[in-house]
């Protein structure tokens, strides 16, 4: 709770709890409210910096009341609630290649896929980034960079199994203003029969956290391009005899 933010809209009411720096709930006593009228109780609360990414935060109101003026009969408690959701990590992907436009990929050509994960302020018991390959792509190398405002229990350099590269950062905590994890994965189309001219290849990146399903996905794709060279030859003289000079092109 934000201290001293509890207010009521009208009537004689008394704030019992909710004004102190250590208060975690609001308790308001209203001696009397006329039939058909209402009172609005307002307060502010700050999201805890250790709240988990993507979690649902709920605030509930509970009202106990009796009849007036005799206060003989107590009625069932009435309730209401409102929820808000913690932000989730976001993912942005870019490419680095120097040979030609990114729509084509040569066999053996190295392409660096750059992924930047931006975290909200908060925590997660687990954070994983996966790069999925389609069409036979392989990883040549990888590198990760974690900003100073992000702590990771298990910084990962990336491990490849089958057609998947896994970056597992374990439990993470993010604070401050610069909260990013940058991942660079250098990939290539290998020299194997399955990869040939016109083959479609793709790299998909996903982020998951706290045991959730994938929350952010980016894709990059190429068409394998192989050289296709033909040779034609002509000669000037189809019929020659000794001493003739023929010109070939």
Protein backbone atom coordinates (compact mmCIF):
# COMPACT_ATOMS: atom_id res chain seq x y z
CA UNK A 1 0.00 0.00 0.00
CA UNK A 2 1.05 3.58 -0.65
CA UNK A 3 0.88 5.36 2.74
CA UNK A 4 -1.85 7.98 3.25
CA UNK A 5 -3.66 7.25 -0.05
CA UNK A 6 -6.84 5.79 1.47
CA UNK A 7 -9.83 8.09 0.93
CA UNK A 8 -13.61 7.77 1.20
CA UNK A 9 -16.14 9.61 -0.95
CA UNK A 10 -18.70 10.68 1.64
CA UNK A 11 -20.25 9.97 4.99
CA UNK A 12 -18.64 9.59 8.39
CA UNK A 13 -16.03 6.89 8.08
CA UNK A 14 -12.91 5.91 9.90
CA UNK A 15 -9.76 4.45 8.35
CA UNK A 16 -8.52 1.88 10.84
CA UNK A 17 -5.72 0.37 8.74
CA UNK A 18 -4.08 1.47 5.50
CA UNK A 19 -2.24 4.69 6.30
CA UNK A 20 0.98 3.27 7.75
CA UNK A 21 4.17 2.50 5.85
CA UNK A 22 3.99 -1.20 6.76
CA UNK A 23 0.25 -1.72 6.17
CA UNK A 24 -0.65 -4.43 3.68
CA UNK A 25 -4.45 -4.07 3.75
CA UNK A 26 -7.13 -1.43 4.18
CA UNK A 27 -9.70 -1.56 6.99
CA UNK A 28 -12.41 1.11 6.97
CA UNK A 29 -15.27 1.33 9.47
CA UNK A 30 -18.42 3.11 8.30
CA UNK A 31 -20.88 3.68 11.18
CA UNK A 32 -23.91 4.31 8.97
CA UNK A 33 -24.88 4.34 5.31
CA UNK A 34 -28.36 5.24 4.14
CA UNK A 35 -30.38 2.82 2.06
CA UNK A 36 -29.77 3.32 -1.67
CA UNK A 37 -26.56 5.31 -1.23
CA UNK A 38 -22.94 4.27 -1.63
CA UNK A 39 -19.44 5.13 -0.43
CA UNK A 40 -16.31 4.81 -2.53
CA UNK A 41 -13.09 3.77 -0.80
CA UNK A 42 -9.96 4.49 -2.87
CA UNK A 43 -6.35 3.53 -2.25
CA UNK A 44 -3.09 3.03 -4.14
CA UNK A 45 -0.79 0.01 -4.14
CA UNK A 46 2.70 -0.41 -5.57
CA UNK A 47 3.60 -3.62 -7.42
CA UNK A 48 6.30 -5.54 -5.56
CA UNK A 49 9.59 -5.56 -7.48
CA UNK A 50 9.83 -9.34 -6.92
CA UNK A 51 6.49 -10.12 -8.59
CA UNK A 52 6.75 -12.86 -11.20
CA UNK A 53 6.60 -12.10 -14.93
CA UNK A 54 3.12 -12.73 -16.34
CA UNK A 55 1.53 -13.38 -12.95
CA UNK A 56 -1.97 -12.18 -12.11
CA UNK A 57 -2.15 -9.74 -9.18
CA UNK A 58 -5.54 -9.54 -7.48
CA UNK A 59 -6.96 -7.03 -4.99
CA UNK A 60 -10.14 -8.04 -3.15
CA UNK A 61 -12.76 -6.13 -1.18
CA UNK A 62 -14.68 -7.75 1.68
CA UNK A 63 -17.66 -6.03 3.33
CA UNK A 64 -19.25 -7.11 6.61
CA UNK A 65 -22.44 -5.30 7.63
CA UNK A 66 -25.41 -5.35 10.00
CA UNK A 67 -28.87 -3.84 10.12
CA UNK A 68 -29.38 -0.46 11.76
CA UNK A 69 -30.17 0.95 14.28
CA UNK A 70 -30.46 -2.15 16.44
CA UNK A 71 -27.41 -4.05 15.00
CA UNK A 72 -29.27 -7.25 15.68
CA UNK A 73 -28.87 -9.09 12.41
CA UNK A 74 -25.52 -9.75 10.69
CA UNK A 75 -25.70 -10.40 6.95
CA UNK A 76 -23.48 -12.57 4.73
CA UNK A 77 -20.19 -11.00 3.70
CA UNK A 78 -20.12 -9.48 0.19
CA UNK A 79 -17.00 -9.41 -1.94
CA UNK A 80 -15.56 -7.92 -5.11
CA UNK A 81 -12.15 -8.16 -6.78
CA UNK A 82 -10.05 -6.66 -9.57
CA UNK A 83 -6.96 -8.15 -11.21
CA UNK A 84 -4.00 -6.85 -13.18
CA UNK A 85 -1.33 -8.84 -15.01
CA UNK A 86 2.43 -8.45 -14.73
CA UNK A 87 4.20 -7.67 -18.00
CA UNK A 88 5.96 -10.48 -19.88
CA UNK A 89 9.38 -10.54 -21.56
CA UNK A 90 9.43 -9.31 -25.15
CA UNK A 91 11.61 -10.55 -28.00
CA UNK A 92 13.09 -8.71 -30.98
CA UNK A 93 15.11 -10.49 -33.69
CA UNK A 94 17.56 -9.15 -36.26
CA UNK A 95 19.99 -10.62 -38.79
CA UNK A 96 23.60 -9.97 -39.71
CA UNK A 97 24.86 -11.06 -43.14
CA UNK A 98 27.22 -9.42 -45.62
CA UNK A 99 27.08 -11.38 -48.86
CA UNK A 100 23.66 -10.61 -50.31
CA UNK A 101 20.06 -9.79 -49.33
CA UNK A 102 18.72 -11.82 -46.40
CA UNK A 103 16.23 -13.70 -48.55
CA UNK A 104 18.88 -16.13 -49.85
CA UNK A 105 21.48 -18.30 -48.17
CA UNK A 106 24.43 -20.07 -49.75
CA UNK A 107 25.59 -23.50 -48.62
CA UNK A 108 28.20 -22.91 -45.93
CA UNK A 109 27.40 -19.19 -45.60
CA UNK A 110 27.45 -17.86 -42.03
CA UNK A 111 24.50 -15.79 -40.83
CA UNK A 112 24.20 -14.33 -37.33
CA UNK A 113 20.74 -14.24 -35.80
CA UNK A 114 20.54 -11.57 -33.08
CA UNK A 115 17.81 -11.88 -30.45
CA UNK A 116 17.23 -9.32 -27.69
CA UNK A 117 14.95 -10.22 -24.78
CA UNK A 118 13.68 -7.22 -22.79
CA UNK A 119 12.46 -8.02 -19.28
CA UNK A 120 9.99 -6.11 -17.12
CA UNK A 121 10.96 -5.30 -13.54
CA UNK A 122 10.30 -8.49 -11.59
CA UNK A 123 11.39 -12.09 -11.29
CA UNK A 124 10.91 -15.53 -12.81
CA UNK A 125 11.94 -18.94 -11.45
CA UNK A 126 13.06 -19.85 -14.97
CA UNK A 127 13.76 -18.16 -18.30
CA UNK A 128 14.57 -20.04 -21.50
CA UNK A 129 15.19 -18.92 -25.06
CA UNK A 130 15.00 -21.51 -27.84
CA UNK A 131 16.08 -21.28 -31.46
CA UNK A 132 14.37 -23.86 -33.66
CA UNK A 133 15.83 -24.76 -37.08
CA UNK A 134 13.84 -25.92 -40.09
CA UNK A 135 15.41 -27.40 -43.22
CA UNK A 136 18.77 -28.59 -41.86
CA UNK A 137 20.39 -25.42 -40.46
CA UNK A 138 23.20 -25.88 -37.92
CA UNK A 139 24.81 -23.69 -35.26
CA UNK A 140 28.41 -22.60 -35.76
CA UNK A 141 28.82 -20.48 -32.60
CA UNK A 142 26.87 -18.46 -30.05
CA UNK A 143 27.30 -15.63 -27.58
CA UNK A 144 25.16 -14.05 -24.84
CA UNK A 145 25.33 -10.69 -23.09
CA UNK A 146 23.31 -9.90 -19.95
CA UNK A 147 22.83 -6.28 -18.87
CA UNK A 148 23.93 -5.22 -15.40
CA UNK A 149 20.36 -4.90 -14.10
CA UNK A 150 19.56 -8.55 -14.82
CA UNK A 151 20.80 -11.39 -12.63
CA UNK A 152 20.73 -15.00 -13.83
CA UNK A 153 21.31 -18.11 -11.75
CA UNK A 154 22.67 -20.02 -14.77
CA UNK A 155 23.96 -17.81 -17.63
CA UNK A 156 23.81 -19.89 -20.81
CA UNK A 157 25.98 -19.88 -23.93
CA UNK A 158 23.58 -22.14 -25.85
CA UNK A 159 23.55 -25.89 -26.40
CA UNK A 160 22.29 -27.59 -29.56
CA UNK A 161 20.32 -30.82 -29.57
CA UNK A 162 18.83 -31.99 -32.85
CA UNK A 163 17.39 -28.91 -34.55
CA UNK A 164 17.08 -26.81 -31.35
CA UNK A 165 19.49 -24.46 -29.59
CA UNK A 166 18.57 -23.95 -25.93
CA UNK A 167 19.62 -20.94 -23.86
CA UNK A 168 18.64 -21.69 -20.25
CA UNK A 169 19.18 -18.77 -17.87
CA UNK A 170 17.64 -20.35 -14.77
CA UNK A 171 16.02 -18.00 -12.27
CA UNK A 172 16.22 -14.32 -13.25
CA UNK A 173 15.63 -11.00 -11.51
CA UNK A 174 15.31 -7.70 -13.38
CA UNK A 175 15.46 -4.17 -11.97
CA UNK A 176 16.36 -0.62 -12.99
CA UNK A 177 16.05 0.76 -16.51
CA UNK A 178 18.28 -1.45 -18.70
CA UNK A 179 16.94 -5.01 -18.51
CA UNK A 180 18.01 -6.98 -21.56
CA UNK A 181 19.53 -10.31 -22.52
CA UNK A 182 21.22 -10.24 -25.96
CA UNK A 183 21.82 -13.50 -27.81
CA UNK A 184 23.83 -13.93 -31.01
CA UNK A 185 23.69 -17.28 -32.79
CA UNK A 186 25.79 -17.86 -35.91
CA UNK A 187 24.18 -20.45 -38.16
CA UNK A 188 24.79 -21.98 -41.60
CA UNK A 189 23.30 -24.30 -44.18
CA UNK A 190 25.52 -27.43 -44.19
CA UNK A 191 26.82 -29.27 -47.25
CA UNK A 192 24.45 -32.24 -47.08
CA UNK A 193 22.15 -33.74 -49.75
CA UNK A 194 19.03 -32.47 -47.94
CA UNK A 195 20.19 -28.87 -48.44
CA UNK A 196 20.16 -27.93 -52.11
CA UNK A 197 19.13 -25.15 -54.45
CA UNK A 198 15.62 -23.94 -53.56
CA UNK A 199 15.50 -25.59 -50.10
CA UNK A 200 13.48 -23.53 -47.59
CA UNK A 201 15.27 -23.03 -44.26
CA UNK A 202 14.03 -21.20 -41.17
CA UNK A 203 15.13 -20.13 -37.69
CA UNK A 204 12.35 -19.59 -35.12
CA UNK A 205 13.08 -18.05 -31.73
CA UNK A 206 10.82 -18.36 -28.67
CA UNK A 207 10.92 -17.17 -25.05
CA UNK A 208 9.33 -19.04 -22.16
CA UNK A 209 9.44 -18.32 -18.44
CA UNK A 210 8.16 -19.69 -15.16
CA UNK A 211 7.02 -22.90 -16.80
CA UNK A 212 4.71 -21.04 -19.19
CA UNK A 213 4.28 -21.79 -22.86
CA UNK A 214 6.11 -19.74 -25.45
CA UNK A 215 5.22 -16.10 -25.04
CA UNK A 216 7.10 -14.37 -27.81
CA UNK A 217 8.07 -15.72 -31.23
CA UNK A 218 10.16 -14.35 -34.09
CA UNK A 219 11.01 -16.04 -37.40
CA UNK A 220 13.68 -15.66 -40.06
CA UNK A 221 13.72 -17.69 -43.27
CA UNK A 222 15.77 -18.06 -46.43
CA UNK A 223 15.88 -19.97 -49.69
CA UNK A 224 19.11 -21.87 -50.38
CA UNK A 225 20.80 -20.48 -53.48
CA UNK A 226 23.41 -22.53 -55.36
CA UNK A 227 25.43 -21.43 -58.39
CA UNK A 228 24.09 -22.61 -61.74
CA UNK A 229 26.72 -22.18 -64.49
CA UNK A 230 26.52 -23.43 -68.08
CA UNK A 231 29.31 -23.51 -70.66
CA UNK A 232 28.92 -22.96 -74.44
CA UNK A 233 31.74 -23.16 -76.99
CA UNK A 234 32.08 -22.25 -80.65
CA UNK A 235 34.82 -22.55 -83.25
CA UNK A 236 35.23 -20.55 -86.45
CA UNK A 237 36.09 -23.45 -88.77
CA UNK A 238 34.22 -26.72 -88.76
CA UNK A 239 36.53 -28.21 -91.45
CA UNK A 240 40.26 -27.58 -91.41
CA UNK A 241 43.46 -28.85 -92.97
CA UNK A 242 47.09 -28.78 -91.86
CA UNK A 243 48.38 -25.28 -91.16
CA UNK A 244 44.91 -23.68 -90.74
CA UNK A 245 44.31 -21.41 -87.75
CA UNK A 246 40.99 -21.92 -85.98
CA UNK A 247 39.44 -19.53 -83.50
CA UNK A 248 37.62 -20.94 -80.47
CA UNK A 249 35.27 -19.00 -78.20
